[in-house]
Structure formats: C-alpha cells, structure tokens
C-alpha cells in the first residue's frame, strides 16, 4: 500500500511540474523551466524510494550493461547498408510504379475508357 501511495504521489508531483510550467506563464522562461525540472526531480526521488522504483532502477542499470555489450557496425558498414537500402527502395518504387501503371492500363482497356 505504501508503494502505491508513493507512486501516486510521484505521478501527481510530476503532473504538478507540468502544470507549474504553464501556470507560471507570466514569469521568465528560466523560472518556468526551473520549477518544472525541480518538481520532476522531486517526483523522481519520491518514485525512487518505492519498491517499483528500485526495481526499475535495477532494470535500467541492467539494460545499460546489455547495451554496452552490443557490437555496433563501423561507419563503412553503416554506409554500405544504407546504400543497399536506398537502391532496394528505388528498385521497388520502379517495380510498383510499373505494376500500378500496367493494372491501370489493363483495367482502362477492359472497361472501355482511356486511349
């Protein structure tokens, strides 16, 4: 029950941060953004000290560790893959245009309209 109350409080504080940004419309932008970010931090801290918040923090940490294990392609591999994709898209566009034109021509001849 305590965790649910903390999560609800965190969500309400977060919404309060969004509301503060708009309610302080007559204040300088730095004050509006500061109030919003301040309340976001407070909401994060309230959520952090709940059991689901700690579980989420553990999950996020493990996700970062897994992302570090990914072998990213080199610049050359990325450019080659992008080139192949552009060529494929161009060829498919031409193919689909030809199919569309052929079907349009055949149907117009079949129903007796067109040249």
C-alpha atoms as a PDB file:
ATOM      1  CA  UNK A   1       0.000   0.000   0.000  1.00  0.00           C
ATOM      2  CA  UNK A   2       2.869   2.343   0.880  1.00  0.00           C
ATOM      3  CA  UNK A   3       4.420   1.807  -2.547  1.00  0.00           C
ATOM      4  CA  UNK A   4       1.166   2.600  -4.329  1.00  0.00           C
ATOM      5  CA  UNK A   5       0.812   5.827  -2.380  1.00  0.00           C
ATOM      6  CA  UNK A   6       4.393   6.775  -3.245  1.00  0.00           C
ATOM      7  CA  UNK A   7       3.854   6.073  -6.936  1.00  0.00           C
ATOM      8  CA  UNK A   8       0.616   8.092  -6.974  1.00  0.00           C
ATOM      9  CA  UNK A   9       2.389  10.931  -5.158  1.00  0.00           C
ATOM     10  CA  UNK A  10       5.242  10.823  -7.680  1.00  0.00           C
ATOM     11  CA  UNK A  11       2.819  10.963 -10.597  1.00  0.00           C
ATOM     12  CA  UNK A  12       0.903  13.853  -9.036  1.00  0.00           C
ATOM     13  CA  UNK A  13       4.136  15.765  -8.382  1.00  0.00           C
ATOM     14  CA  UNK A  14       5.184  15.116 -11.983  1.00  0.00           C
ATOM     15  CA  UNK A  15       1.842  16.465 -13.236  1.00  0.00           C
ATOM     16  CA  UNK A  16       2.335  19.410 -10.880  1.00  0.00           C
ATOM     17  CA  UNK A  17       5.626  20.104 -12.622  1.00  0.00           C
ATOM     18  CA  UNK A  18       3.886  20.247 -15.973  1.00  0.00           C
ATOM     19  CA  UNK A  19       1.161  22.463 -14.512  1.00  0.00           C
ATOM     20  CA  UNK A  20       3.754  24.765 -12.921  1.00  0.00           C
ATOM     21  CA  UNK A  21       5.317  25.374 -16.321  1.00  0.00           C
ATOM     22  CA  UNK A  22       2.019  26.618 -17.724  1.00  0.00           C
ATOM     23  CA  UNK A  23       0.753  28.373 -14.616  1.00  0.00           C
ATOM     24  CA  UNK A  24       3.923  30.465 -14.439  1.00  0.00           C
ATOM     25  CA  UNK A  25       3.373  31.832 -17.944  1.00  0.00           C
ATOM     26  CA  UNK A  26       3.970  35.413 -16.785  1.00  0.00           C
ATOM     27  CA  UNK A  27       7.383  34.530 -15.263  1.00  0.00           C
ATOM     28  CA  UNK A  28      10.712  34.334 -17.121  1.00  0.00           C
ATOM     29  CA  UNK A  29      11.326  31.099 -19.022  1.00  0.00           C
ATOM     30  CA  UNK A  30      14.199  30.131 -16.714  1.00  0.00           C
ATOM     31  CA  UNK A  31      11.845  30.211 -13.708  1.00  0.00           C
ATOM     32  CA  UNK A  32       9.233  28.147 -15.526  1.00  0.00           C
ATOM     33  CA  UNK A  33      11.726  25.507 -16.645  1.00  0.00           C
ATOM     34  CA  UNK A  34      13.400  25.506 -13.231  1.00  0.00           C
ATOM     35  CA  UNK A  35      10.120  24.920 -11.426  1.00  0.00           C
ATOM     36  CA  UNK A  36       9.184  22.160 -13.835  1.00  0.00           C
ATOM     37  CA  UNK A  37      12.542  20.383 -13.639  1.00  0.00           C
ATOM     38  CA  UNK A  38      12.662  20.812  -9.864  1.00  0.00           C
ATOM     39  CA  UNK A  39       9.316  19.109  -9.460  1.00  0.00           C
ATOM     40  CA  UNK A  40      10.368  16.398 -11.905  1.00  0.00           C
ATOM     41  CA  UNK A  41      13.418  15.698  -9.739  1.00  0.00           C
ATOM     42  CA  UNK A  42      11.266  15.574  -6.596  1.00  0.00           C
ATOM     43  CA  UNK A  43       8.848  13.191  -8.353  1.00  0.00           C
ATOM     44  CA  UNK A  44      11.783  11.018  -9.404  1.00  0.00           C
ATOM     45  CA  UNK A  45      13.106  10.906  -5.851  1.00  0.00           C
ATOM     46  CA  UNK A  46       9.702  10.011  -4.428  1.00  0.00           C
ATOM     47  CA  UNK A  47       9.337   7.248  -7.022  1.00  0.00           C
ATOM     48  CA  UNK A  48      12.922   6.073  -6.449  1.00  0.00           C
ATOM     49  CA  UNK A  49      12.267   5.247  -2.806  1.00  0.00           C
ATOM     50  CA  UNK A  50       9.395   2.881  -3.618  1.00  0.00           C
ATOM     51  CA  UNK A  51       9.905  -0.815  -4.345  1.00  0.00           C
ATOM     52  CA  UNK A  52       8.801  -0.490  -8.008  1.00  0.00           C
ATOM     53  CA  UNK A  53      11.151   2.480  -8.349  1.00  0.00           C
ATOM     54  CA  UNK A  54      14.099   0.468  -7.083  1.00  0.00           C
ATOM     55  CA  UNK A  55      13.148  -2.419  -9.383  1.00  0.00           C
ATOM     56  CA  UNK A  56      13.007  -0.005 -12.312  1.00  0.00           C
ATOM     57  CA  UNK A  57      16.427   1.408 -11.388  1.00  0.00           C
ATOM     58  CA  UNK A  58      17.862  -2.119 -11.327  1.00  0.00           C
ATOM     59  CA  UNK A  59      16.233  -2.904 -14.672  1.00  0.00           C
ATOM     60  CA  UNK A  60      17.581   0.326 -16.203  1.00  0.00           C
ATOM     61  CA  UNK A  61      21.086  -0.440 -14.938  1.00  0.00           C
ATOM     62  CA  UNK A  62      20.964  -3.939 -16.406  1.00  0.00           C
ATOM     63  CA  UNK A  63      19.691  -2.509 -19.711  1.00  0.00           C
ATOM     64  CA  UNK A  64      22.652  -0.134 -19.872  1.00  0.00           C
ATOM     65  CA  UNK A  65      25.013  -3.046 -19.202  1.00  0.00           C
ATOM     66  CA  UNK A  66      23.403  -5.035 -22.035  1.00  0.00           C
ATOM     67  CA  UNK A  67      23.606  -2.067 -24.409  1.00  0.00           C
ATOM     68  CA  UNK A  68      27.352  -1.865 -23.723  1.00  0.00           C
ATOM     69  CA  UNK A  69      27.697  -5.446 -24.978  1.00  0.00           C
ATOM     70  CA  UNK A  70      26.259  -4.579 -28.396  1.00  0.00           C
ATOM     71  CA  UNK A  71      28.757  -4.601 -31.245  1.00  0.00           C
ATOM     72  CA  UNK A  72      27.866  -1.549 -33.303  1.00  0.00           C
ATOM     73  CA  UNK A  73      28.639  -1.501 -37.050  1.00  0.00           C
ATOM     74  CA  UNK A  74      31.530   0.571 -38.339  1.00  0.00           C
ATOM     75  CA  UNK A  75      30.997   3.707 -40.401  1.00  0.00           C
ATOM     76  CA  UNK A  76      31.815   1.791 -43.591  1.00  0.00           C
ATOM     77  CA  UNK A  77      29.310  -0.986 -42.795  1.00  0.00           C
ATOM     78  CA  UNK A  78      26.637   1.588 -41.968  1.00  0.00           C
ATOM     79  CA  UNK A  79      27.146   3.477 -45.234  1.00  0.00           C
ATOM     80  CA  UNK A  80      27.116   0.237 -47.247  1.00  0.00           C
ATOM     81  CA  UNK A  81      23.909  -0.941 -45.604  1.00  0.00           C
ATOM     82  CA  UNK A  82      22.287   2.439 -46.158  1.00  0.00           C
ATOM     83  CA  UNK A  83      23.303   2.356 -49.836  1.00  0.00           C
ATOM     84  CA  UNK A  84      21.807  -1.103 -50.301  1.00  0.00           C
ATOM     85  CA  UNK A  85      18.568   0.049 -48.676  1.00  0.00           C
ATOM     86  CA  UNK A  86      18.339   3.126 -50.918  1.00  0.00           C
ATOM     87  CA  UNK A  87      18.910   1.003 -54.042  1.00  0.00           C
ATOM     88  CA  UNK A  88      16.306  -1.541 -52.910  1.00  0.00           C
ATOM     89  CA  UNK A  89      13.743   1.180 -52.207  1.00  0.00           C
ATOM     90  CA  UNK A  90      14.379   2.757 -55.616  1.00  0.00           C
ATOM     91  CA  UNK A  91      14.033  -0.581 -57.441  1.00  0.00           C
ATOM     92  CA  UNK A  92      10.837  -1.407 -55.514  1.00  0.00           C
ATOM     93  CA  UNK A  93       9.404   2.037 -56.317  1.00  0.00           C
ATOM     94  CA  UNK A  94      10.035   1.492 -60.029  1.00  0.00           C
ATOM     95  CA  UNK A  95       8.563  -2.016 -59.837  1.00  0.00           C
ATOM     96  CA  UNK A  96       5.428  -0.872 -58.014  1.00  0.00           C
ATOM     97  CA  UNK A  97       5.000   2.037 -60.426  1.00  0.00           C
ATOM     98  CA  UNK A  98       5.217  -0.416 -63.352  1.00  0.00           C
ATOM     99  CA  UNK A  99       2.677  -2.772 -61.768  1.00  0.00           C
ATOM    100  CA  UNK A 100       0.335   0.120 -60.995  1.00  0.00           C
ATOM    101  CA  UNK A 101       0.645   1.529 -64.499  1.00  0.00           C
ATOM    102  CA  UNK A 102       0.077  -1.934 -66.055  1.00  0.00           C
ATOM    103  CA  UNK A 103      -3.014  -2.610 -63.961  1.00  0.00           C
ATOM    104  CA  UNK A 104      -4.396   0.861 -64.670  1.00  0.00           C
ATOM    105  CA  UNK A 105      -3.809   0.363 -68.408  1.00  0.00           C
ATOM    106  CA  UNK A 106      -5.382  -3.115 -68.406  1.00  0.00           C
ATOM    107  CA  UNK A 107      -8.435  -2.037 -66.405  1.00  0.00           C
ATOM    108  CA  UNK A 108      -8.985   1.047 -68.531  1.00  0.00           C
ATOM    109  CA  UNK A 109      -8.889  -1.126 -71.668  1.00  0.00           C
ATOM    110  CA  UNK A 110     -11.195  -3.694 -70.051  1.00  0.00           C
ATOM    111  CA  UNK A 111     -13.872  -1.158 -69.058  1.00  0.00           C
ATOM    112  CA  UNK A 112     -13.510   0.808 -72.270  1.00  0.00           C
ATOM    113  CA  UNK A 113     -12.152   4.103 -71.013  1.00  0.00           C
ATOM    114  CA  UNK A 114      -8.883   5.755 -71.839  1.00  0.00           C
ATOM    115  CA  UNK A 115      -6.808   5.679 -75.001  1.00  0.00           C
END
